[in-house]
Every structure is written in structure tokens, then in C-alpha cells.
N, C-alpha and C. Protein backbone atom coordinates (compact mmCIF):
# COMPACT_ATOMS: atom_id res chain seq x y z
N MET A 1 -8.96 20.93 -3.50
CA MET A 1 -8.82 21.28 -1.97
C MET A 1 -7.61 21.96 -2.44
N SER A 2 -7.08 22.30 -0.94
CA SER A 2 -6.04 23.03 -0.66
C SER A 2 -4.84 22.23 -0.01
N GLU A 3 -3.79 22.37 0.22
CA GLU A 3 -2.91 21.51 0.12
C GLU A 3 -3.09 21.77 1.79
N GLU A 4 -3.21 22.39 2.87
CA GLU A 4 -3.60 22.21 3.98
C GLU A 4 -4.43 21.60 4.95
N GLN A 5 -5.41 21.08 3.77
CA GLN A 5 -5.82 20.28 4.32
C GLN A 5 -6.52 18.68 3.84
N ARG A 6 -5.80 18.24 3.06
CA ARG A 6 -4.91 17.13 2.72
C ARG A 6 -4.51 15.73 3.60
N GLY A 7 -4.71 15.11 3.56
CA GLY A 7 -4.30 13.91 4.85
C GLY A 7 -4.39 12.54 3.99
N VAL A 8 -3.15 12.35 4.98
CA VAL A 8 -3.24 10.35 3.84
C VAL A 8 -3.19 9.89 5.47
N VAL A 9 -3.85 8.13 5.22
CA VAL A 9 -4.18 7.68 6.51
C VAL A 9 -3.76 6.01 5.96
N LEU A 10 -2.43 5.81 6.22
CA LEU A 10 -2.64 4.23 5.78
C LEU A 10 -2.37 3.00 6.86
N TYR A 11 -2.88 2.22 6.25
CA TYR A 11 -3.59 0.50 7.28
C TYR A 11 -2.76 -0.03 6.74
N GLY A 12 -2.85 -1.46 7.57
CA GLY A 12 -2.48 -2.49 6.74
C GLY A 12 -0.64 -3.37 6.72
N TYR A 13 -0.66 -3.70 5.58
CA TYR A 13 0.90 -4.47 6.16
C TYR A 13 1.95 -3.57 5.47
N GLY A 14 2.90 -2.57 6.13
CA GLY A 14 4.29 -2.05 5.48
C GLY A 14 3.31 -0.55 5.90
N VAL A 15 3.07 0.05 7.12
CA VAL A 15 2.84 1.62 7.29
C VAL A 15 3.92 2.33 6.81
N ASP A 16 4.92 1.57 7.94
CA ASP A 16 5.57 2.43 8.58
C ASP A 16 6.73 2.70 7.14
N ALA A 17 6.98 1.68 6.37
CA ALA A 17 8.03 1.99 4.75
C ALA A 17 7.56 3.07 4.17
N VAL A 18 6.04 2.57 4.15
CA VAL A 18 4.97 3.81 3.19
C VAL A 18 5.02 5.24 3.61
N ALA A 19 4.74 5.20 4.70
CA ALA A 19 5.55 6.95 5.45
C ALA A 19 6.34 6.80 5.15
N GLU A 20 7.60 6.67 5.58
CA GLU A 20 8.74 6.77 5.64
C GLU A 20 9.19 7.81 4.10
N ALA A 21 8.95 6.41 3.08
CA ALA A 21 8.65 6.94 1.60
C ALA A 21 8.21 8.23 1.45
N LEU A 22 6.53 8.47 1.33
CA LEU A 22 6.37 9.55 1.20
C LEU A 22 7.18 11.07 2.06
N ARG A 23 7.47 10.73 3.02
CA ARG A 23 8.41 11.53 3.67
C ARG A 23 9.90 11.79 2.91
N GLU A 24 10.28 10.89 2.58
CA GLU A 24 10.80 11.45 1.39
C GLU A 24 11.08 11.83 0.39
N LEU A 25 9.81 11.49 -0.23
CA LEU A 25 9.51 12.12 -2.16
C LEU A 25 8.82 13.92 -2.05
N ASP A 26 8.14 14.12 -0.67
CA ASP A 26 8.00 15.56 -0.64
C ASP A 26 8.12 15.75 1.08
N PRO A 27 8.64 16.65 1.67
CA PRO A 27 8.41 16.37 3.00
C PRO A 27 7.80 17.59 3.80
N ARG A 28 6.57 17.41 2.82
CA ARG A 28 5.04 18.16 3.20
C ARG A 28 4.92 17.01 4.11
N TYR A 29 4.75 15.79 3.82
CA TYR A 29 4.46 14.73 4.18
C TYR A 29 5.42 14.15 5.85
N VAL A 30 4.05 14.49 6.96
CA VAL A 30 4.62 14.87 8.10
C VAL A 30 4.13 13.24 9.23
N LEU A 31 4.98 12.59 9.41
CA LEU A 31 4.02 11.33 10.16
C LEU A 31 3.66 12.12 11.46
N VAL A 32 2.27 11.19 11.76
CA VAL A 32 1.69 12.26 13.33
C VAL A 32 0.88 10.87 14.12
N ASP A 33 0.44 11.51 15.01
CA ASP A 33 -0.44 10.54 16.06
C ASP A 33 -1.38 10.95 16.00
N ARG A 34 -1.71 12.77 15.58
CA ARG A 34 -2.94 13.06 15.95
C ARG A 34 -2.63 14.14 15.07
N VAL A 35 -3.47 14.78 14.50
CA VAL A 35 -3.81 15.60 13.43
C VAL A 35 -2.87 16.84 14.08
N ALA A 36 -2.56 17.37 13.57
CA ALA A 36 -2.00 19.22 14.07
C ALA A 36 -0.85 19.35 13.35
N PRO A 37 -0.89 19.45 12.33
CA PRO A 37 0.31 19.78 11.28
C PRO A 37 0.07 21.22 10.89
N GLU A 38 1.72 21.92 10.62
CA GLU A 38 1.61 22.74 10.60
C GLU A 38 0.65 23.49 9.34
N SER A 39 1.27 24.60 8.43
CA SER A 39 -0.06 25.31 7.63
C SER A 39 1.15 24.29 6.26
N GLY A 40 0.33 23.84 4.94
CA GLY A 40 1.38 23.19 4.44
C GLY A 40 1.78 22.18 4.15
N GLN A 41 1.42 21.66 5.60
CA GLN A 41 2.23 20.04 5.65
C GLN A 41 0.78 19.44 5.17
N VAL A 42 1.38 17.90 4.92
CA VAL A 42 0.42 16.69 4.56
C VAL A 42 0.21 15.90 5.66
N PRO A 43 -0.79 15.64 6.72
CA PRO A 43 -0.34 14.57 8.26
C PRO A 43 -0.74 13.48 7.35
N VAL A 44 0.37 12.09 8.10
CA VAL A 44 -0.22 10.65 7.57
C VAL A 44 -0.02 10.23 9.07
N LEU A 45 -0.99 9.48 8.78
CA LEU A 45 -1.33 8.63 9.80
C LEU A 45 -1.34 7.06 9.41
N ARG A 46 -0.75 6.42 10.34
CA ARG A 46 -0.79 4.76 10.83
C ARG A 46 -1.09 4.72 11.39
N CYS A 47 -1.96 3.68 10.62
CA CYS A 47 -2.89 2.57 11.32
C CYS A 47 -2.73 1.13 11.24
N PRO A 48 -2.96 -0.10 12.15
CA PRO A 48 -2.43 -1.53 11.51
C PRO A 48 -4.01 -2.23 11.07
N HIS A 49 -5.19 -1.54 11.86
CA HIS A 49 -6.23 -1.90 10.74
C HIS A 49 -7.10 -1.11 10.51
N GLY A 50 -7.94 -1.27 9.46
CA GLY A 50 -9.11 -0.82 8.99
C GLY A 50 -9.81 0.31 10.13
N ALA A 51 -10.95 -0.28 11.24
CA ALA A 51 -10.82 0.11 12.50
C ALA A 51 -10.79 1.58 12.52
N GLU A 52 -8.94 1.09 12.93
CA GLU A 52 -8.56 2.37 13.53
C GLU A 52 -8.23 3.72 12.93
N ALA A 53 -8.36 3.21 11.41
CA ALA A 53 -8.09 4.15 10.18
C ALA A 53 -9.30 4.66 10.01
N ASP A 54 -10.74 4.39 9.93
CA ASP A 54 -12.11 4.71 10.07
C ASP A 54 -11.70 5.72 11.53
N ALA A 55 -11.60 5.18 12.40
CA ALA A 55 -11.74 5.99 13.87
C ALA A 55 -10.85 7.37 13.74
N ALA A 56 -9.72 7.39 13.03
CA ALA A 56 -9.03 8.73 12.58
C ALA A 56 -9.40 9.40 12.09
N TRP A 57 -10.38 8.74 10.58
CA TRP A 57 -10.81 9.77 9.38
C TRP A 57 -11.89 10.12 10.14
N GLU A 58 -12.73 9.65 11.16
CA GLU A 58 -13.30 10.78 11.88
C GLU A 58 -13.84 10.89 12.96
N ALA A 59 -12.22 10.94 13.14
CA ALA A 59 -12.31 12.13 14.22
C ALA A 59 -11.34 13.62 13.78
N ALA A 60 -10.81 13.76 12.50
CA ALA A 60 -10.81 15.24 11.84
C ALA A 60 -10.96 14.83 10.92
N ARG A 61 -12.64 15.18 10.93
CA ARG A 61 -13.49 15.60 9.36
C ARG A 61 -13.34 16.67 9.01
N GLY A 62 -12.54 17.62 9.69
CA GLY A 62 -11.77 18.58 8.36
C GLY A 62 -11.02 18.25 7.45
N PHE A 63 -9.99 17.29 7.48
CA PHE A 63 -9.55 16.94 6.49
C PHE A 63 -9.94 16.33 5.11
N ALA A 64 -9.30 16.85 4.03
CA ALA A 64 -9.58 15.57 3.02
C ALA A 64 -8.89 14.71 2.98
N TRP A 65 -9.33 13.53 3.15
CA TRP A 65 -8.54 12.14 3.93
C TRP A 65 -8.48 11.17 2.54
N LEU A 66 -6.64 10.66 2.43
CA LEU A 66 -7.01 9.88 1.16
C LEU A 66 -6.65 8.18 2.39
N VAL A 67 -7.34 7.45 2.58
CA VAL A 67 -7.35 5.93 3.25
C VAL A 67 -6.62 5.11 2.15
N VAL A 68 -6.07 4.47 2.44
CA VAL A 68 -4.95 3.71 1.79
C VAL A 68 -4.66 3.02 2.39
N GLU A 69 -5.09 1.22 1.98
CA GLU A 69 -4.95 0.16 2.29
C GLU A 69 -3.48 -0.17 1.94
N LEU A 70 -2.81 -1.00 2.43
CA LEU A 70 -1.80 -1.66 2.01
C LEU A 70 -2.08 -3.46 2.22
N TYR A 71 -2.28 -4.19 1.40
CA TYR A 71 -2.07 -5.19 1.44
C TYR A 71 -1.44 -6.25 1.04
N ARG A 72 -1.24 -7.54 1.13
CA ARG A 72 -0.57 -8.71 0.61
C ARG A 72 -1.52 -9.74 0.25
N PRO A 73 -1.61 -10.54 -0.45
CA PRO A 73 -3.17 -11.15 -0.68
C PRO A 73 -3.01 -12.47 0.76
N GLU A 74 -1.76 -13.00 1.14
CA GLU A 74 -1.70 -13.57 1.73
C GLU A 74 -2.15 -13.27 3.58
N VAL A 75 -2.14 -11.85 4.12
CA VAL A 75 -2.07 -11.57 4.83
C VAL A 75 -3.79 -11.24 5.49
N ASP A 76 -4.17 -11.66 6.09
CA ASP A 76 -5.79 -10.89 5.85
C ASP A 76 -5.85 -9.99 7.03
N VAL A 77 -6.20 -8.54 6.21
CA VAL A 77 -6.30 -6.97 7.77
C VAL A 77 -7.64 -6.69 7.19
N GLU A 78 -8.45 -6.43 8.58
CA GLU A 78 -9.81 -5.98 8.84
C GLU A 78 -9.54 -4.46 8.15
N ARG A 79 -10.37 -4.33 7.26
CA ARG A 79 -10.77 -3.33 6.57
C ARG A 79 -11.17 -2.30 6.74
N ALA A 80 -11.04 -0.88 6.38
CA ALA A 80 -12.14 0.35 7.18
C ALA A 80 -12.99 0.45 6.12
N ARG A 81 -14.10 1.21 6.04
CA ARG A 81 -15.27 1.47 5.88
C ARG A 81 -14.63 1.72 4.37
N ASP A 82 -14.16 2.43 4.06
CA ASP A 82 -14.20 3.44 2.57
C ASP A 82 -12.73 3.80 2.10
N PRO A 83 -11.83 2.60 2.14
CA PRO A 83 -10.24 2.61 1.89
C PRO A 83 -10.84 3.39 0.05
N LEU A 84 -10.30 4.34 -0.33
CA LEU A 84 -9.90 5.26 -1.71
C LEU A 84 -9.13 4.19 -2.31
N LEU A 85 -8.12 3.68 -1.58
CA LEU A 85 -6.87 3.49 -2.98
C LEU A 85 -6.18 1.86 -1.91
N LEU A 86 -6.40 0.87 -2.96
CA LEU A 86 -6.00 -0.38 -2.49
C LEU A 86 -4.55 -0.79 -3.20
N LEU A 87 -3.64 -0.62 -2.44
CA LEU A 87 -2.33 -0.98 -3.33
C LEU A 87 -1.38 -2.79 -2.62
N ASN A 88 -1.49 -3.05 -3.77
CA ASN A 88 -0.97 -4.49 -3.08
C ASN A 88 0.32 -4.10 -3.04
N ALA A 89 1.13 -4.68 -1.75
CA ALA A 89 2.31 -4.64 -0.79
C ALA A 89 3.44 -5.37 -1.69
N SER A 90 2.95 -6.80 -2.08
CA SER A 90 3.88 -7.38 -2.18
C SER A 90 4.00 -7.67 -3.67
N LYS A 91 3.48 -6.18 -4.73
CA LYS A 91 3.74 -6.06 -5.93
C LYS A 91 4.40 -4.34 -6.46
N VAL A 92 4.01 -3.70 -5.20
CA VAL A 92 4.45 -2.30 -5.09
C VAL A 92 5.43 -1.59 -4.23
N ASP A 93 6.78 -1.56 -4.35
CA ASP A 93 7.75 -1.37 -3.16
C ASP A 93 7.02 0.02 -3.12
N PRO A 94 8.05 0.31 -1.28
CA PRO A 94 6.97 1.36 -0.69
C PRO A 94 7.44 2.99 -1.73
N GLY A 95 8.76 3.07 -2.52
CA GLY A 95 9.03 4.44 -3.35
C GLY A 95 7.51 4.59 -4.25
N MET A 96 7.07 3.25 -4.35
CA MET A 96 6.32 3.45 -5.62
C MET A 96 4.52 3.64 -4.80
N ALA A 97 4.67 3.15 -3.92
CA ALA A 97 3.48 3.16 -2.82
C ALA A 97 3.34 4.68 -3.04
N ALA A 98 4.30 5.41 -2.52
CA ALA A 98 4.43 6.88 -2.00
C ALA A 98 3.94 7.65 -3.29
N ARG A 99 4.59 7.64 -4.97
CA ARG A 99 4.57 8.23 -5.95
C ARG A 99 2.80 7.65 -6.23
N ALA A 100 2.00 6.64 -5.64
CA ALA A 100 0.81 6.44 -6.58
C ALA A 100 -0.16 6.92 -5.04
N ILE A 101 0.80 7.29 -3.73
CA ILE A 101 -0.46 8.41 -3.64
C ILE A 101 -0.09 9.36 -3.45
N ASP A 102 0.96 10.40 -4.05
CA ASP A 102 1.18 11.70 -3.52
C ASP A 102 -0.04 12.05 -5.19
N GLN A 103 -0.32 10.60 -6.38
CA GLN A 103 -0.47 11.34 -7.63
C GLN A 103 -1.38 10.34 -7.33
N PRO A 104 -2.94 10.20 -6.51
CA PRO A 104 -4.09 9.64 -7.13
C PRO A 104 -4.91 9.61 -8.19
N ASP A 105 -4.92 11.23 -8.45
CA ASP A 105 -5.38 11.20 -9.61
C ASP A 105 -5.29 11.67 -10.95
N LEU A 106 -3.99 11.08 -11.21
CA LEU A 106 -3.69 10.58 -12.50
C LEU A 106 -3.72 9.53 -12.80
N GLU A 107 -4.50 9.14 -14.16
CA GLU A 107 -4.46 8.05 -14.66
C GLU A 107 -3.61 7.81 -15.88
N ILE A 108 -3.66 6.32 -16.18
CA ILE A 108 -3.18 5.76 -17.77
C ILE A 108 -4.16 5.86 -18.80
N TRP A 109 -4.19 6.61 -19.79
CA TRP A 109 -4.67 6.23 -20.87
C TRP A 109 -3.87 5.44 -22.13
N TYR A 110 -4.22 4.44 -22.18
CA TYR A 110 -2.94 3.05 -22.89
C TYR A 110 -3.34 3.47 -24.18
N GLU A 111 -2.68 3.42 -25.12
CA GLU A 111 -2.61 3.56 -26.90
C GLU A 111 -1.94 2.52 -27.36
N VAL A 112 -2.85 1.71 -27.77
CA VAL A 112 -2.39 0.55 -28.48
C VAL A 112 -2.26 0.31 -30.30
N ILE A 113 -0.74 0.14 -30.23
CA ILE A 113 -0.22 0.06 -31.19
C ILE A 113 -0.06 -1.21 -31.73
N ASN A 114 -0.43 -1.45 -33.35
CA ASN A 114 -0.38 -2.85 -33.94
C ASN A 114 -1.40 -3.64 -33.39
N PRO A 115 -2.73 -3.70 -32.89
CA PRO A 115 -3.30 -4.63 -32.01
C PRO A 115 -3.41 -5.66 -32.24
N ILE A 116 -3.63 -6.47 -30.92
CA ILE A 116 -4.22 -8.22 -31.60
C ILE A 116 -5.59 -8.47 -32.01
N ARG A 117 -4.96 -8.92 -32.67
CA ARG A 117 -6.39 -8.86 -33.38
C ARG A 117 -6.82 -10.88 -33.49
N SER A 118 -8.46 -11.58 -32.96
CA SER A 118 -8.79 -12.53 -33.47
C SER A 118 -9.51 -12.85 -34.78
N THR A 119 -8.94 -14.26 -35.70
CA THR A 119 -9.87 -14.46 -36.55
C THR A 119 -10.38 -16.04 -36.20
N THR A 120 -11.20 -16.76 -36.87
CA THR A 120 -11.20 -18.13 -37.16
C THR A 120 -10.37 -18.79 -38.22
N VAL A 121 -9.71 -19.97 -37.76
CA VAL A 121 -8.72 -20.50 -38.42
C VAL A 121 -9.97 -21.02 -40.25
N ASP A 122 -11.47 -21.08 -39.92
CA ASP A 122 -11.89 -21.76 -40.84
C ASP A 122 -12.84 -20.56 -42.04
N GLY A 123 -12.86 -19.51 -41.40
CA GLY A 123 -13.46 -18.35 -41.71
C GLY A 123 -15.14 -18.45 -41.44
N GLY A 124 -15.24 -19.91 -40.38
CA GLY A 124 -16.94 -18.92 -40.15
C GLY A 124 -17.31 -18.21 -38.78
N PRO A 125 -18.57 -18.55 -38.26
CA PRO A 125 -18.35 -17.90 -36.84
C PRO A 125 -17.70 -18.68 -35.61
N ALA A 126 -17.38 -18.32 -34.67
CA ALA A 126 -16.51 -18.70 -33.61
C ALA A 126 -17.33 -19.89 -33.18
N ALA A 127 -16.96 -20.80 -32.76
CA ALA A 127 -17.46 -22.14 -32.47
C ALA A 127 -17.51 -21.91 -31.21
N ASP A 128 -18.12 -22.86 -30.46
CA ASP A 128 -18.93 -22.57 -29.06
C ASP A 128 -17.53 -22.64 -27.64
N ASP A 129 -17.00 -23.63 -28.28
CA ASP A 129 -15.58 -23.87 -27.28
C ASP A 129 -14.53 -23.43 -27.91
N TYR A 130 -14.61 -22.58 -28.94
CA TYR A 130 -13.42 -21.72 -28.90
C TYR A 130 -12.25 -22.59 -30.02
N SER A 131 -12.84 -23.60 -30.32
CA SER A 131 -11.76 -24.89 -31.52
C SER A 131 -10.98 -23.86 -32.27
N ASN A 132 -11.59 -23.29 -33.44
CA ASN A 132 -11.07 -22.46 -34.38
C ASN A 132 -11.17 -21.13 -34.22
N VAL A 133 -10.55 -20.90 -33.75
CA VAL A 133 -10.59 -18.80 -33.09
C VAL A 133 -8.96 -19.42 -32.89
N ALA A 134 -8.15 -18.14 -34.12
CA ALA A 134 -6.85 -18.41 -33.68
C ALA A 134 -6.63 -16.75 -33.21
N ILE A 135 -5.67 -16.34 -32.04
CA ILE A 135 -5.30 -15.22 -32.01
C ILE A 135 -4.23 -14.48 -32.25
N ILE A 136 -3.88 -13.43 -33.01
CA ILE A 136 -2.89 -13.32 -34.32
C ILE A 136 -2.43 -11.91 -33.61
N VAL A 137 -0.96 -11.59 -32.93
CA VAL A 137 -0.04 -10.63 -32.52
C VAL A 137 0.68 -10.20 -33.61
N PRO A 138 0.58 -9.00 -34.01
CA PRO A 138 1.07 -8.51 -34.91
C PRO A 138 2.84 -7.82 -34.79
N ASP A 139 3.73 -7.96 -36.03
CA ASP A 139 5.26 -7.69 -35.48
C ASP A 139 4.42 -6.10 -34.81
N GLY A 140 5.25 -5.18 -34.35
CA GLY A 140 5.45 -4.07 -33.52
C GLY A 140 4.04 -4.20 -32.57
N HIS A 141 3.51 -4.92 -32.11
CA HIS A 141 2.91 -4.50 -31.08
C HIS A 141 3.14 -4.38 -30.01
N ARG A 142 2.09 -3.36 -29.50
CA ARG A 142 2.93 -2.68 -28.28
C ARG A 142 1.87 -1.55 -27.95
N MET A 143 1.88 -1.67 -25.99
CA MET A 143 0.50 -0.19 -25.66
C MET A 143 2.13 0.71 -25.02
N VAL A 144 1.16 1.65 -25.20
CA VAL A 144 1.91 3.54 -24.62
C VAL A 144 1.14 3.57 -23.33
N ALA A 145 1.87 3.90 -22.36
CA ALA A 145 0.62 4.51 -21.59
C ALA A 145 1.45 6.13 -21.01
N HIS A 146 -0.22 6.93 -21.13
CA HIS A 146 -0.25 8.38 -21.29
C HIS A 146 -0.43 8.41 -19.69
N ALA A 147 -0.34 10.19 -19.26
CA ALA A 147 -0.97 10.32 -18.16
C ALA A 147 -2.11 11.48 -17.93
N VAL A 148 -3.17 11.25 -17.75
CA VAL A 148 -4.09 12.83 -17.32
C VAL A 148 -4.64 12.45 -16.08
N ARG A 149 -5.47 13.42 -15.81
CA ARG A 149 -5.89 13.91 -14.37
C ARG A 149 -7.01 13.06 -14.51
N ALA A 150 -7.69 12.41 -13.19
CA ALA A 150 -8.52 11.70 -13.06
C ALA A 150 -9.88 12.23 -13.93
N GLY A 151 -10.81 11.74 -14.95
CA GLY A 151 -11.80 12.72 -15.37
C GLY A 151 -11.57 13.97 -16.42
N GLY A 152 -10.00 13.74 -16.98
CA GLY A 152 -9.92 14.62 -18.06
C GLY A 152 -10.22 14.33 -19.59
N ALA A 153 -9.47 15.36 -20.19
CA ALA A 153 -10.02 15.30 -21.66
C ALA A 153 -8.33 14.37 -22.13
N VAL A 154 -8.43 13.75 -23.09
CA VAL A 154 -7.95 13.15 -24.06
C VAL A 154 -6.37 13.14 -23.76
N PRO A 155 -5.38 13.20 -23.06
CA PRO A 155 -3.90 12.86 -23.38
C PRO A 155 -3.60 13.83 -24.77
N GLU A 156 -2.56 15.09 -24.88
CA GLU A 156 -2.99 15.87 -25.80
C GLU A 156 -1.70 14.96 -25.90
N CYS A 157 -0.63 14.56 -25.68
CA CYS A 157 0.16 13.53 -26.66
C CYS A 157 0.34 12.37 -27.25
N LEU A 158 -1.01 12.16 -27.37
CA LEU A 158 -1.43 11.08 -27.64
C LEU A 158 -2.12 11.08 -29.56
N PRO A 159 -1.10 10.12 -30.11
CA PRO A 159 -1.33 10.64 -32.14
C PRO A 159 -2.74 10.63 -32.10
N GLY A 160 -2.73 11.11 -32.98
CA GLY A 160 -4.34 11.70 -33.58
C GLY A 160 -4.40 9.96 -34.87
N GLY A 161 -3.54 9.34 -34.78
CA GLY A 161 -3.78 7.76 -35.78
C GLY A 161 -3.74 7.13 -34.93
N ALA A 162 -3.78 6.57 -33.91
CA ALA A 162 -3.62 5.71 -32.76
C ALA A 162 -4.89 4.86 -33.15
N GLU A 163 -4.60 3.55 -33.13
CA GLU A 163 -5.63 2.38 -33.49
C GLU A 163 -6.62 2.25 -32.56
N GLN A 164 -6.54 2.34 -31.22
CA GLN A 164 -6.62 2.09 -30.59
C GLN A 164 -6.36 2.83 -28.63
N VAL A 165 -7.64 3.64 -28.13
CA VAL A 165 -6.83 4.57 -26.98
C VAL A 165 -7.96 3.81 -25.76
N LEU A 166 -7.56 3.06 -24.58
CA LEU A 166 -7.75 2.66 -23.52
C LEU A 166 -7.64 3.71 -22.13
N PRO A 167 -9.01 4.31 -22.39
CA PRO A 167 -8.88 5.06 -20.72
C PRO A 167 -9.14 4.09 -19.58
N SER A 168 -8.25 4.43 -18.65
CA SER A 168 -8.13 3.08 -17.38
C SER A 168 -8.08 4.02 -16.64
N HIS A 169 -8.53 3.15 -14.96
CA HIS A 169 -8.41 4.04 -13.98
C HIS A 169 -6.97 3.42 -12.92
N ASP A 170 -6.53 2.78 -13.94
CA ASP A 170 -4.66 2.25 -13.22
C ASP A 170 -4.31 3.44 -12.96
N LEU A 171 -3.26 3.26 -12.11
CA LEU A 171 -2.71 4.78 -11.64
C LEU A 171 -1.58 5.04 -11.87
N TRP A 172 -1.06 5.94 -13.05
CA TRP A 172 -0.12 6.54 -13.69
C TRP A 172 1.48 5.88 -12.71
N ALA A 173 2.01 6.41 -11.75
CA ALA A 173 2.75 5.66 -10.42
C ALA A 173 2.58 4.06 -10.88
N LEU A 174 2.06 3.38 -11.20
CA LEU A 174 2.35 1.74 -11.11
C LEU A 174 1.71 1.74 -12.91
N ALA A 175 2.62 2.91 -13.98
CA ALA A 175 2.50 1.95 -15.71
C ALA A 175 3.68 1.48 -15.48
N ARG A 176 4.80 1.33 -14.84
CA ARG A 176 6.21 0.72 -14.72
C ARG A 176 6.25 -0.78 -14.36
N LEU A 177 4.97 -1.17 -13.86
CA LEU A 177 4.83 -2.12 -13.28
C LEU A 177 5.43 -3.67 -14.38
N GLY A 178 4.08 -3.38 -15.31
CA GLY A 178 4.32 -4.38 -16.66
C GLY A 178 5.35 -3.56 -17.63
N LYS A 179 5.06 -4.58 -18.99
CA LYS A 179 5.53 -4.45 -20.18
C LYS A 179 5.30 -3.57 -20.75
N THR A 180 4.56 -2.22 -20.02
CA THR A 180 4.28 -1.30 -20.69
C THR A 180 5.34 -0.47 -21.90
N GLU A 181 5.03 0.39 -22.36
CA GLU A 181 5.96 1.12 -22.74
C GLU A 181 5.14 2.72 -21.98
N VAL A 182 5.74 3.71 -21.32
CA VAL A 182 5.46 4.97 -21.20
C VAL A 182 5.81 6.38 -21.44
N CYS A 183 5.09 7.04 -22.18
CA CYS A 183 5.41 8.32 -22.85
C CYS A 183 6.56 9.13 -22.00
N ARG A 184 7.05 9.47 -23.04
CA ARG A 184 8.19 10.57 -22.33
C ARG A 184 7.60 11.73 -22.33
N ALA A 185 7.07 12.26 -22.90
CA ALA A 185 5.88 13.29 -22.90
C ALA A 185 5.36 13.36 -21.02
N CYS A 186 4.55 12.79 -21.24
CA CYS A 186 3.83 12.23 -19.51
C CYS A 186 4.77 12.31 -18.51
N THR A 187 5.64 11.25 -18.80
CA THR A 187 6.53 11.22 -17.75
C THR A 187 7.37 13.08 -17.44
N ALA A 188 7.65 13.53 -18.28
CA ALA A 188 8.41 14.52 -18.46
C ALA A 188 7.32 15.92 -17.40
N ARG A 189 6.31 15.37 -18.15
CA ARG A 189 5.32 16.30 -17.02
C ARG A 189 4.69 16.10 -15.80
N HIS A 190 4.57 14.79 -15.57
CA HIS A 190 3.80 14.77 -14.25
C HIS A 190 5.11 13.33 -13.19
N GLY A 191 6.27 13.20 -13.82
CA GLY A 191 7.69 12.14 -12.95
C GLY A 191 6.97 10.85 -13.25
């Protein structure tokens, strides 16, 4: 899709802060009340509820819209028909939300080093209540996040000897939320 045809519809909790963070991230993101951006700009429409987001999307079908719901678990928001990206505003600050919106097609592949293992303490099969199961976390257990375009091939920086590789639909911009390490090569490549 060409840059001139992209657009973002934000609705829910904290849309103004996220819209401002998008504008600060890249000046091509332009806050608009209706779609009329100049060539090369990406319109950002702000809506309080899902119904308004649906109406904005319907009114400008010539754009490839990324509909983003910003939610908080304790706040009820009327949902849009088809939010393509759901971001928990209680865990993601506006700057991180902006990076996730800017790179929605970058997903994480997790490299597991010294994976956690389970065994039975008595050497037999697992009991129905799992009372004889032991979880073993070996020294050096860790996970490293790598970035790849959605549907893309295995990241080239993944070592061939990785014990386990887990592709996911987790967004690369959110990789730093947990205790997972991030690949330096992927960070240099994708930010």
C-alpha cells in the first residue's frame, strides 16, 4: 500500500495523547477532523467511540485504515466493528502506542535459551492433579525477542542452534514490556 493511502483511526481512552505522540514520532502523521491530507501525509482521525470510528472508516474508503482501539480494562468503550489493533492504555504509554501503530506489521519471534522443563518427581506419568510434576528453570534461562515482518521468513539473526523458536503475533514495539531481552541487530534494523 502506498504511503499516500494510509490512515489511522484512533478511538477509546487517551486518543489525543497517542495522536500527539504519533505526530512527534513522524511529522507525516497529521491530525485531521476529516480526510484531506496532502500527498505523503498520513491522516490521523480521533474518535471517542467505536461507532464514530466505523463512520469515519466508511466515509473515506479510499484509504487503508488502521483502526486502533485504546482501552483500559476498567473503562467500558463501545467497540468498532473491526479494530485491527487493540492496545491496553493502562500498560502502554502514548509513545509506545505510537511506535506500535507506526510498525503494526512487525512481529516478534522469541528465541528460547535454556528452556524451562518439566518432569515428574517419581519418574512415573503425571498425576491427574499434577502433584508429582516439578518445573525446572535451568541456569541461564532467558528469551530474546527478534523482529520480522508479519508472514516473513525466520529472522536472519536467529542462531541456528536455538533450542526453541516461537513465532508470535506480539508487536515488536511492545517487546520491552516484559523481561524479555531484545536482539540488538533487530533493534538497529527496526528501531
